[in-house]
Amino acid sequence: KNCPFCSRPDPAAEPPLREYGLHELAEKYAPLLEEGISLRRGEGC
C-alpha cells in the first residue's frame, strides 16, 4: 500500500493506466469509487 505519511497526488500515473482501461473500469465500478479517480504515490519517508 502507498505510505499514508508521504503519499501525494500523482497525475503522471494516468497515461499508462489508460492502456489498462482506467476510465472503463472507473465507470463500471463507480459505486466502489466514492471519491472518483484519486491516483497517489508514496514519495519515501
All heavy atoms as atom14 arrays in JSON, in Angstrom:
{
  "sequence": "KNCPFCSRPDPAAEPPLREYGLHELAEKYAPLLEEGISLRRGEGC",
  "atom14_mask": [
    [1, 1, 1, 1, 1, 1, 1, 1, 1, 0, 0, 0, 0, 0],
    [1, 1, 1, 1, 1, 1, 1, 1, 0, 0, 0, 0, 0, 0],
    [1, 1, 1, 1, 1, 1, 0, 0, 0, 0, 0, 0, 0, 0],
    [1, 1, 1, 1, 1, 1, 1, 0, 0, 0, 0, 0, 0, 0],
    [1, 1, 1, 1, 1, 1, 1, 1, 1, 1, 1, 0, 0, 0],
    [1, 1, 1, 1, 1, 1, 0, 0, 0, 0, 0, 0, 0, 0],
    [1, 1, 1, 1, 1, 1, 0, 0, 0, 0, 0, 0, 0, 0],
    [1, 1, 1, 1, 1, 1, 1, 1, 1, 1, 1, 0, 0, 0],
    [1, 1, 1, 1, 1, 1, 1, 0, 0, 0, 0, 0, 0, 0],
    [1, 1, 1, 1, 1, 1, 1, 1, 0, 0, 0, 0, 0, 0],
    [1, 1, 1, 1, 1, 1, 1, 0, 0, 0, 0, 0, 0, 0],
    [1, 1, 1, 1, 1, 0, 0, 0, 0, 0, 0, 0, 0, 0],
    [1, 1, 1, 1, 1, 0, 0, 0, 0, 0, 0, 0, 0, 0],
    [1, 1, 1, 1, 1, 1, 1, 1, 1, 0, 0, 0, 0, 0],
    [1, 1, 1, 1, 1, 1, 1, 0, 0, 0, 0, 0, 0, 0],
    [1, 1, 1, 1, 1, 1, 1, 0, 0, 0, 0, 0, 0, 0],
    [1, 1, 1, 1, 1, 1, 1, 1, 0, 0, 0, 0, 0, 0],
    [1, 1, 1, 1, 1, 1, 1, 1, 1, 1, 1, 0, 0, 0],
    [1, 1, 1, 1, 1, 1, 1, 1, 1, 0, 0, 0, 0, 0],
    [1, 1, 1, 1, 1, 1, 1, 1, 1, 1, 1, 1, 0, 0],
    [1, 1, 1, 1, 0, 0, 0, 0, 0, 0, 0, 0, 0, 0],
    [1, 1, 1, 1, 1, 1, 1, 1, 0, 0, 0, 0, 0, 0],
    [1, 1, 1, 1, 1, 1, 1, 1, 1, 1, 0, 0, 0, 0],
    [1, 1, 1, 1, 1, 1, 1, 1, 1, 0, 0, 0, 0, 0],
    [1, 1, 1, 1, 1, 1, 1, 1, 0, 0, 0, 0, 0, 0],
    [1, 1, 1, 1, 1, 0, 0, 0, 0, 0, 0, 0, 0, 0],
    [1, 1, 1, 1, 1, 1, 1, 1, 1, 0, 0, 0, 0, 0],
    [1, 1, 1, 1, 1, 1, 1, 1, 1, 0, 0, 0, 0, 0],
    [1, 1, 1, 1, 1, 1, 1, 1, 1, 1, 1, 1, 0, 0],
    [1, 1, 1, 1, 1, 0, 0, 0, 0, 0, 0, 0, 0, 0],
    [1, 1, 1, 1, 1, 1, 1, 0, 0, 0, 0, 0, 0, 0],
    [1, 1, 1, 1, 1, 1, 1, 1, 0, 0, 0, 0, 0, 0],
    [1, 1, 1, 1, 1, 1, 1, 1, 0, 0, 0, 0, 0, 0],
    [1, 1, 1, 1, 1, 1, 1, 1, 1, 0, 0, 0, 0, 0],
    [1, 1, 1, 1, 1, 1, 1, 1, 1, 0, 0, 0, 0, 0],
    [1, 1, 1, 1, 0, 0, 0, 0, 0, 0, 0, 0, 0, 0],
    [1, 1, 1, 1, 1, 1, 1, 1, 0, 0, 0, 0, 0, 0],
    [1, 1, 1, 1, 1, 1, 0, 0, 0, 0, 0, 0, 0, 0],
    [1, 1, 1, 1, 1, 1, 1, 1, 0, 0, 0, 0, 0, 0],
    [1, 1, 1, 1, 1, 1, 1, 1, 1, 1, 1, 0, 0, 0],
    [1, 1, 1, 1, 1, 1, 1, 1, 1, 1, 1, 0, 0, 0],
    [1, 1, 1, 1, 0, 0, 0, 0, 0, 0, 0, 0, 0, 0],
    [1, 1, 1, 1, 1, 1, 1, 1, 1, 0, 0, 0, 0, 0],
    [1, 1, 1, 1, 0, 0, 0, 0, 0, 0, 0, 0, 0, 0],
    [1, 1, 1, 1, 1, 1, 0, 0, 0, 0, 0, 0, 0, 0]
  ],
  "atom14_positions": [
    [[0.83, -1.2, 0.0], [0.0, 0.0, 0.0], [0.87, 1.26, 0.0], [1.96, 1.26, 0.56], [-0.9, 0.01, 1.24], [-1.93, -1.09, 1.29], [-2.53, -1.24, 2.68], [-3.24, 0.01, 3.12], [-3.84, -0.15, 4.48], [0.0, 0.0, 0.0], [0.0, 0.0, 0.0], [0.0, 0.0, 0.0], [0.0, 0.0, 0.0], [0.0, 0.0, 0.0]],
    [[0.35, 2.3, -0.6], [1.03, 3.6, -0.53], [1.18, 4.02, 0.93], [0.27, 3.83, 1.74], [0.23, 4.67, -1.28], [0.39, 4.56, -2.78], [1.44, 4.15, -3.27], [-0.64, 4.93, -3.52], [0.0, 0.0, 0.0], [0.0, 0.0, 0.0], [0.0, 0.0, 0.0], [0.0, 0.0, 0.0], [0.0, 0.0, 0.0], [0.0, 0.0, 0.0]],
    [[2.33, 4.58, 1.26], [2.58, 5.04, 2.63], [1.63, 6.19, 2.96], [1.58, 7.19, 2.23], [4.02, 5.5, 2.78], [4.38, 6.24, 4.38], [0.0, 0.0, 0.0], [0.0, 0.0, 0.0], [0.0, 0.0, 0.0], [0.0, 0.0, 0.0], [0.0, 0.0, 0.0], [0.0, 0.0, 0.0], [0.0, 0.0, 0.0], [0.0, 0.0, 0.0]],
    [[0.85, 6.1, 4.04], [-0.09, 7.18, 4.38], [0.6, 8.45, 4.82], [0.0, 9.52, 4.82], [-0.92, 6.57, 5.53], [-0.02, 5.55, 6.15], [0.79, 4.99, 5.02], [0.0, 0.0, 0.0], [0.0, 0.0, 0.0], [0.0, 0.0, 0.0], [0.0, 0.0, 0.0], [0.0, 0.0, 0.0], [0.0, 0.0, 0.0], [0.0, 0.0, 0.0]],
    [[1.88, 8.35, 5.2], [2.6, 9.52, 5.67], [3.16, 10.37, 4.53], [3.29, 11.59, 4.68], [3.75, 9.1, 6.59], [3.29, 8.4, 7.84], [3.3, 7.02, 7.91], [2.84, 9.12, 8.93], [2.88, 6.37, 9.06], [2.41, 8.49, 10.08], [2.43, 7.1, 10.15], [0.0, 0.0, 0.0], [0.0, 0.0, 0.0], [0.0, 0.0, 0.0]],
    [[3.55, 9.73, 3.42], [4.24, 10.51, 2.38], [3.59, 10.41, 1.0], [4.15, 10.9, 0.03], [5.7, 10.09, 2.3], [5.96, 8.38, 1.74], [0.0, 0.0, 0.0], [0.0, 0.0, 0.0], [0.0, 0.0, 0.0], [0.0, 0.0, 0.0], [0.0, 0.0, 0.0], [0.0, 0.0, 0.0], [0.0, 0.0, 0.0], [0.0, 0.0, 0.0]],
    [[2.42, 9.76, 0.9], [1.81, 9.64, -0.44], [1.24, 10.99, -0.86], [0.69, 11.74, -0.05], [0.72, 8.56, -0.45], [-0.4, 8.96, 0.29], [0.0, 0.0, 0.0], [0.0, 0.0, 0.0], [0.0, 0.0, 0.0], [0.0, 0.0, 0.0], [0.0, 0.0, 0.0], [0.0, 0.0, 0.0], [0.0, 0.0, 0.0], [0.0, 0.0, 0.0]],
    [[1.39, 11.29, -2.14], [0.93, 12.56, -2.71], [0.18, 12.27, -4.01], [0.37, 11.21, -4.63], [2.13, 13.47, -3.02], [3.0, 13.81, -1.82], [2.33, 14.8, -0.88], [3.22, 15.18, 0.22], [3.28, 14.56, 1.39], [2.49, 13.5, 1.61], [4.09, 14.97, 2.34], [0.0, 0.0, 0.0], [0.0, 0.0, 0.0], [0.0, 0.0, 0.0]],
    [[-0.67, 13.21, -4.47], [-1.33, 13.02, -5.77], [-0.32, 12.79, -6.88], [0.77, 13.39, -6.88], [-2.09, 14.34, -5.97], [-2.34, 14.84, -4.57], [-1.12, 14.43, -3.78], [0.0, 0.0, 0.0], [0.0, 0.0, 0.0], [0.0, 0.0, 0.0], [0.0, 0.0, 0.0], [0.0, 0.0, 0.0], [0.0, 0.0, 0.0], [0.0, 0.0, 0.0]],
    [[-0.66, 11.9, -7.83], [0.28, 11.5, -8.88], [-0.4, 11.55, -10.25], [-0.75, 10.52, -10.82], [0.8, 10.09, -8.58], [1.87, 9.65, -9.56], [2.54, 10.53, -10.14], [2.02, 8.43, -9.77], [0.0, 0.0, 0.0], [0.0, 0.0, 0.0], [0.0, 0.0, 0.0], [0.0, 0.0, 0.0], [0.0, 0.0, 0.0], [0.0, 0.0, 0.0]],
    [[-0.58, 12.76, -10.82], [-1.24, 12.89, -12.13], [-0.5, 12.13, -13.23], [-1.11, 11.69, -14.2], [-1.22, 14.4, -12.39], [-0.97, 15.03, -11.06], [-0.17, 14.06, -10.27], [0.0, 0.0, 0.0], [0.0, 0.0, 0.0], [0.0, 0.0, 0.0], [0.0, 0.0, 0.0], [0.0, 0.0, 0.0], [0.0, 0.0, 0.0], [0.0, 0.0, 0.0]],
    [[0.83, 11.97, -13.1], [1.61, 11.3, -14.14], [1.26, 9.83, -14.27], [1.64, 9.18, -15.25], [3.1, 11.44, -13.83], [0.0, 0.0, 0.0], [0.0, 0.0, 0.0], [0.0, 0.0, 0.0], [0.0, 0.0, 0.0], [0.0, 0.0, 0.0], [0.0, 0.0, 0.0], [0.0, 0.0, 0.0], [0.0, 0.0, 0.0], [0.0, 0.0, 0.0]],
    [[0.52, 9.28, -13.31], [0.17, 7.86, -13.36], [-0.98, 7.58, -14.32], [-1.22, 6.42, -14.68], [-0.21, 7.36, -11.96], [0.0, 0.0, 0.0], [0.0, 0.0, 0.0], [0.0, 0.0, 0.0], [0.0, 0.0, 0.0], [0.0, 0.0, 0.0], [0.0, 0.0, 0.0], [0.0, 0.0, 0.0], [0.0, 0.0, 0.0], [0.0, 0.0, 0.0]],
    [[-1.7, 8.63, -14.73], [-2.89, 8.39, -15.54], [-2.62, 7.85, -16.94], [-3.26, 6.89, -17.37], [-3.74, 9.67, -15.63], [-5.05, 9.44, -16.39], [-6.02, 10.6, -16.27], [-5.85, 11.44, -15.37], [-6.95, 10.65, -17.1], [0.0, 0.0, 0.0], [0.0, 0.0, 0.0], [0.0, 0.0, 0.0], [0.0, 0.0, 0.0], [0.0, 0.0, 0.0]],
    [[-1.66, 8.42, -17.72], [-1.45, 7.91, -19.1], [-1.2, 6.42, -19.18], [-1.87, 5.73, -19.98], [-0.25, 8.74, -19.58], [-0.34, 10.01, -18.81], [-0.84, 9.62, -17.46], [0.0, 0.0, 0.0], [0.0, 0.0, 0.0], [0.0, 0.0, 0.0], [0.0, 0.0, 0.0], [0.0, 0.0, 0.0], [0.0, 0.0, 0.0], [0.0, 0.0, 0.0]],
    [[-0.27, 5.82, -18.4], [-0.08, 4.36, -18.51], [-1.31, 3.57, -18.07], [-1.55, 2.46, -18.57], [1.11, 4.08, -17.6], [1.25, 5.26, -16.71], [0.73, 6.41, -17.48], [0.0, 0.0, 0.0], [0.0, 0.0, 0.0], [0.0, 0.0, 0.0], [0.0, 0.0, 0.0], [0.0, 0.0, 0.0], [0.0, 0.0, 0.0], [0.0, 0.0, 0.0]],
    [[-2.11, 4.14, -17.16], [-3.31, 3.42, -16.69], [-4.39, 3.34, -17.77], [-5.22, 2.44, -17.76], [-3.87, 4.1, -15.44], [-3.25, 3.67, -14.11], [-3.63, 4.63, -13.0], [-3.69, 2.26, -13.75], [0.0, 0.0, 0.0], [0.0, 0.0, 0.0], [0.0, 0.0, 0.0], [0.0, 0.0, 0.0], [0.0, 0.0, 0.0], [0.0, 0.0, 0.0]],
    [[-4.36, 4.3, -18.71], [-5.36, 4.27, -19.79], [-5.23, 2.99, -20.61], [-6.21, 2.47, -21.12], [-5.18, 5.49, -20.7], [-5.58, 6.8, -20.04], [-5.51, 7.95, -21.04], [-5.5, 9.23, -20.36], [-4.7, 10.24, -20.65], [-3.81, 10.09, -21.64], [-4.75, 11.36, -20.01], [0.0, 0.0, 0.0], [0.0, 0.0, 0.0], [0.0, 0.0, 0.0]],
    [[-3.99, 2.48, -20.74], [-3.78, 1.25, -21.51], [-4.47, 0.05, -20.85], [-4.72, -0.96, -21.49], [-2.28, 0.95, -21.63], [-1.5, 2.02, -22.37], [-0.02, 1.69, -22.43], [0.32, 0.48, -22.35], [0.8, 2.62, -22.53], [0.0, 0.0, 0.0], [0.0, 0.0, 0.0], [0.0, 0.0, 0.0], [0.0, 0.0, 0.0], [0.0, 0.0, 0.0]],
    [[-4.74, 0.17, -19.57], [-5.39, -0.93, -18.83], [-6.86, -0.63, -18.55], [-7.45, -1.19, -17.64], [-4.64, -1.18, -17.53], [-3.23, -1.67, -17.75], [-2.16, -0.78, -17.77], [-2.96, -3.02, -17.99], [-0.86, -1.21, -18.01], [-1.67, -3.46, -18.23], [-0.63, -2.55, -18.23], [0.64, -2.99, -18.46], [0.0, 0.0, 0.0], [0.0, 0.0, 0.0]],
    [[-7.45, 0.28, -19.33], [-8.89, 0.55, -19.23], [-9.29, 1.34, -18.01], [-10.3, 1.05, -17.38], [0.0, 0.0, 0.0], [0.0, 0.0, 0.0], [0.0, 0.0, 0.0], [0.0, 0.0, 0.0], [0.0, 0.0, 0.0], [0.0, 0.0, 0.0], [0.0, 0.0, 0.0], [0.0, 0.0, 0.0], [0.0, 0.0, 0.0], [0.0, 0.0, 0.0]],
    [[-8.47, 2.37, -17.68], [-8.73, 3.17, -16.48], [-10.16, 3.7, -16.42], [-10.89, 3.44, -15.46], [-7.73, 4.34, -16.42], [-8.04, 5.45, -15.41], [-7.96, 4.92, -14.0], [-7.08, 6.62, -15.59], [0.0, 0.0, 0.0], [0.0, 0.0, 0.0], [0.0, 0.0, 0.0], [0.0, 0.0, 0.0], [0.0, 0.0, 0.0], [0.0, 0.0, 0.0]],
    [[-10.58, 4.41, -17.44], [-11.88, 5.08, -17.4], [-13.03, 4.09, -17.53], [-14.09, 4.28, -16.92], [-11.94, 6.16, -18.48], [-10.96, 7.28, -18.25], [-11.08, 8.19, -17.22], [-9.79, 7.59, -18.89], [-10.06, 9.03, -17.24], [-9.26, 8.69, -18.25], [0.0, 0.0, 0.0], [0.0, 0.0, 0.0], [0.0, 0.0, 0.0], [0.0, 0.0, 0.0]],
    [[-12.83, 3.03, -18.31], [-13.88, 2.0, -18.41], [-14.09, 1.33, -17.05], [-15.24, 1.09, -16.64], [-13.48, 0.94, -19.45], [-13.43, 1.43, -20.89], [-12.12, 2.14, -21.25], [-11.28, 2.35, -20.36], [-11.97, 2.49, -22.43], [0.0, 0.0, 0.0], [0.0, 0.0, 0.0], [0.0, 0.0, 0.0], [0.0, 0.0, 0.0], [0.0, 0.0, 0.0]],
    [[-12.99, 1.03, -16.37], [-13.11, 0.43, -15.03], [-13.77, 1.39, -14.05], [-14.62, 0.98, -13.25], [-11.73, 0.05, -14.51], [-11.19, -1.33, -14.88], [-9.74, -1.45, -14.43], [-12.01, -2.41, -14.22], [0.0, 0.0, 0.0], [0.0, 0.0, 0.0], [0.0, 0.0, 0.0], [0.0, 0.0, 0.0], [0.0, 0.0, 0.0], [0.0, 0.0, 0.0]],
    [[-13.36, 2.66, -14.11], [-13.93, 3.65, -13.19], [-15.43, 3.79, -13.41], [-16.2, 3.95, -12.45], [-13.23, 5.0, -13.39], [0.0, 0.0, 0.0], [0.0, 0.0, 0.0], [0.0, 0.0, 0.0], [0.0, 0.0, 0.0], [0.0, 0.0, 0.0], [0.0, 0.0, 0.0], [0.0, 0.0, 0.0], [0.0, 0.0, 0.0], [0.0, 0.0, 0.0]],
    [[-15.84, 3.71, -14.67], [-17.28, 3.81, -14.97], [-18.03, 2.55, -14.53], [-19.1, 2.61, -13.92], [-17.47, 4.03, -16.47], [-18.91, 4.25, -16.87], [-19.06, 4.5, -18.36], [-18.04, 4.77, -19.03], [-20.19, 4.39, -18.86], [0.0, 0.0, 0.0], [0.0, 0.0, 0.0], [0.0, 0.0, 0.0], [0.0, 0.0, 0.0], [0.0, 0.0, 0.0]],
    [[-17.42, 1.39, -14.8], [-18.07, 0.11, -14.47], [-18.24, -0.06, -12.97], [-19.26, -0.58, -12.5], [-17.23, -1.04, -15.03], [-17.83, -2.42, -14.81], [-16.96, -3.5, -15.45], [-17.53, -4.89, -15.21], [-16.67, -5.94, -15.82], [0.0, 0.0, 0.0], [0.0, 0.0, 0.0], [0.0, 0.0, 0.0], [0.0, 0.0, 0.0], [0.0, 0.0, 0.0]],
    [[-17.23, 0.39, -12.21], [-17.26, 0.18, -10.75], [-17.44, 1.5, -10.01], [-16.91, 1.67, -8.9], [-15.98, -0.52, -10.3], [-15.85, -1.91, -10.87], [-14.9, -2.18, -11.87], [-16.67, -2.95, -10.45], [-14.78, -3.45, -12.42], [-16.56, -4.21, -11.0], [-15.61, -4.46, -11.97], [-15.5, -5.72, -12.51], [0.0, 0.0, 0.0], [0.0, 0.0, 0.0]],
    [[-18.2, 2.42, -10.6], [-18.43, 3.72, -9.96], [-18.95, 3.61, -8.53], [-18.54, 4.39, -7.66], [-19.4, 4.55, -10.82], [0.0, 0.0, 0.0], [0.0, 0.0, 0.0], [0.0, 0.0, 0.0], [0.0, 0.0, 0.0], [0.0, 0.0, 0.0], [0.0, 0.0, 0.0], [0.0, 0.0, 0.0], [0.0, 0.0, 0.0], [0.0, 0.0, 0.0]],
    [[-19.86, 2.65, -8.21], [-20.33, 2.55, -6.82], [-19.23, 2.26, -5.81], [-19.39, 2.55, -4.62], [-21.33, 1.38, -6.88], [-21.77, 1.31, -8.31], [-20.57, 1.7, -9.1], [0.0, 0.0, 0.0], [0.0, 0.0, 0.0], [0.0, 0.0, 0.0], [0.0, 0.0, 0.0], [0.0, 0.0, 0.0], [0.0, 0.0, 0.0], [0.0, 0.0, 0.0]],
    [[-18.09, 1.69, -6.28], [-16.99, 1.38, -5.37], [-15.97, 2.52, -5.29], [-14.99, 2.42, -4.57], [-16.27, 0.11, -5.83], [-17.12, -1.16, -5.92], [-16.3, -2.3, -6.5], [-17.66, -1.54, -4.54], [0.0, 0.0, 0.0], [0.0, 0.0, 0.0], [0.0, 0.0, 0.0], [0.0, 0.0, 0.0], [0.0, 0.0, 0.0], [0.0, 0.0, 0.0]],
    [[-16.23, 3.6, -6.05], [-15.28, 4.73, -6.1], [-15.99, 5.99, -5.63], [-16.35, 6.86, -6.44], [-14.74, 4.92, -7.52], [-13.98, 3.73, -8.12], [-13.72, 3.94, -9.6], [-12.67, 3.51, -7.37], [0.0, 0.0, 0.0], [0.0, 0.0, 0.0], [0.0, 0.0, 0.0], [0.0, 0.0, 0.0], [0.0, 0.0, 0.0], [0.0, 0.0, 0.0]],
    [[-16.19, 6.11, -4.34], [-16.95, 7.23, -3.79], [-16.3, 8.58, -4.11], [-16.98, 9.58, -4.31], [-17.09, 7.07, -2.28], [-17.93, 5.85, -1.88], [-18.0, 5.69, -0.37], [-17.42, 6.53, 0.35], [-18.63, 4.72, 0.08], [0.0, 0.0, 0.0], [0.0, 0.0, 0.0], [0.0, 0.0, 0.0], [0.0, 0.0, 0.0], [0.0, 0.0, 0.0]],
    [[-14.97, 8.61, -4.12], [-14.26, 9.88, -4.36], [-13.74, 10.0, -5.79], [-12.91, 10.85, -6.09], [-13.1, 10.02, -3.36], [-13.57, 10.05, -1.92], [-12.42, 10.21, -0.94], [-11.28, 10.48, -1.4], [-12.66, 10.07, 0.26], [0.0, 0.0, 0.0], [0.0, 0.0, 0.0], [0.0, 0.0, 0.0], [0.0, 0.0, 0.0], [0.0, 0.0, 0.0]],
    [[-14.22, 9.14, -6.67], [-13.78, 9.2, -8.05], [-12.35, 8.72, -8.22], [-11.83, 7.97, -7.4], [0.0, 0.0, 0.0], [0.0, 0.0, 0.0], [0.0, 0.0, 0.0], [0.0, 0.0, 0.0], [0.0, 0.0, 0.0], [0.0, 0.0, 0.0], [0.0, 0.0, 0.0], [0.0, 0.0, 0.0], [0.0, 0.0, 0.0], [0.0, 0.0, 0.0]],
    [[-11.69, 9.18, -9.29], [-10.3, 8.78, -9.55], [-9.36, 9.59, -8.68], [-9.38, 10.82, -8.69], [-9.97, 8.98, -11.04], [-10.84, 8.06, -11.91], [-8.49, 8.71, -11.3], [-10.66, 8.26, -13.4], [0.0, 0.0, 0.0], [0.0, 0.0, 0.0], [0.0, 0.0, 0.0], [0.0, 0.0, 0.0], [0.0, 0.0, 0.0], [0.0, 0.0, 0.0]],
    [[-8.53, 8.91, -7.89], [-7.59, 9.57, -6.98], [-6.26, 8.82, -7.02], [-6.02, 7.92, -6.22], [-8.16, 9.58, -5.55], [-7.21, 10.11, -4.65], [0.0, 0.0, 0.0], [0.0, 0.0, 0.0], [0.0, 0.0, 0.0], [0.0, 0.0, 0.0], [0.0, 0.0, 0.0], [0.0, 0.0, 0.0], [0.0, 0.0, 0.0], [0.0, 0.0, 0.0]],
    [[-5.41, 9.17, -7.97], [-4.13, 8.48, -8.15], [-3.09, 9.09, -7.21], [-2.92, 10.3, -7.15], [-3.66, 8.61, -9.61], [-4.67, 8.15, -10.66], [-4.13, 8.38, -12.06], [-5.02, 6.69, -10.45], [0.0, 0.0, 0.0], [0.0, 0.0, 0.0], [0.0, 0.0, 0.0], [0.0, 0.0, 0.0], [0.0, 0.0, 0.0], [0.0, 0.0, 0.0]],
    [[-2.38, 8.22, -6.47], [-1.4, 8.69, -5.5], [-0.14, 7.83, -5.56], [-0.15, 6.72, -6.07], [-1.98, 8.65, -4.07], [-3.19, 9.55, -3.88], [-3.71, 9.49, -2.46], [-2.83, 10.15, -1.51], [-2.8, 11.44, -1.27], [-3.63, 12.25, -1.91], [-1.97, 11.96, -0.39], [0.0, 0.0, 0.0], [0.0, 0.0, 0.0], [0.0, 0.0, 0.0]],
    [[0.94, 8.36, -5.01], [2.22, 7.64, -4.95], [2.99, 8.12, -3.72], [3.03, 9.3, -3.42], [3.03, 7.91, -6.22], [4.4, 7.22, -6.24], [5.16, 7.56, -7.51], [4.44, 7.1, -8.69], [4.53, 5.88, -9.19], [5.34, 4.99, -8.61], [3.85, 5.53, -10.25], [0.0, 0.0, 0.0], [0.0, 0.0, 0.0], [0.0, 0.0, 0.0]],
    [[3.61, 7.15, -3.01], [4.44, 7.5, -1.87], [5.78, 8.06, -2.32], [6.41, 7.5, -3.23], [0.0, 0.0, 0.0], [0.0, 0.0, 0.0], [0.0, 0.0, 0.0], [0.0, 0.0, 0.0], [0.0, 0.0, 0.0], [0.0, 0.0, 0.0], [0.0, 0.0, 0.0], [0.0, 0.0, 0.0], [0.0, 0.0, 0.0], [0.0, 0.0, 0.0]],
    [[6.22, 9.15, -1.7], [7.49, 9.79, -2.08], [8.68, 9.16, -1.37], [9.82, 9.32, -1.8], [7.43, 11.28, -1.79], [6.38, 12.03, -2.63], [6.33, 13.5, -2.3], [6.8, 13.89, -1.2], [5.83, 14.28, -3.13], [0.0, 0.0, 0.0], [0.0, 0.0, 0.0], [0.0, 0.0, 0.0], [0.0, 0.0, 0.0], [0.0, 0.0, 0.0]],
    [[8.43, 8.48, -0.25], [9.51, 7.93, 0.56], [9.76, 8.78, 1.78], [9.92, 10.0, 1.67], [0.0, 0.0, 0.0], [0.0, 0.0, 0.0], [0.0, 0.0, 0.0], [0.0, 0.0, 0.0], [0.0, 0.0, 0.0], [0.0, 0.0, 0.0], [0.0, 0.0, 0.0], [0.0, 0.0, 0.0], [0.0, 0.0, 0.0], [0.0, 0.0, 0.0]],
    [[9.76, 8.15, 2.97], [9.97, 8.89, 4.21], [10.5, 7.9, 5.26], [10.52, 6.68, 5.01], [8.67, 9.54, 4.7], [7.4, 8.35, 5.24], [0.0, 0.0, 0.0], [0.0, 0.0, 0.0], [0.0, 0.0, 0.0], [0.0, 0.0, 0.0], [0.0, 0.0, 0.0], [0.0, 0.0, 0.0], [0.0, 0.0, 0.0], [0.0, 0.0, 0.0]]
  ]
}
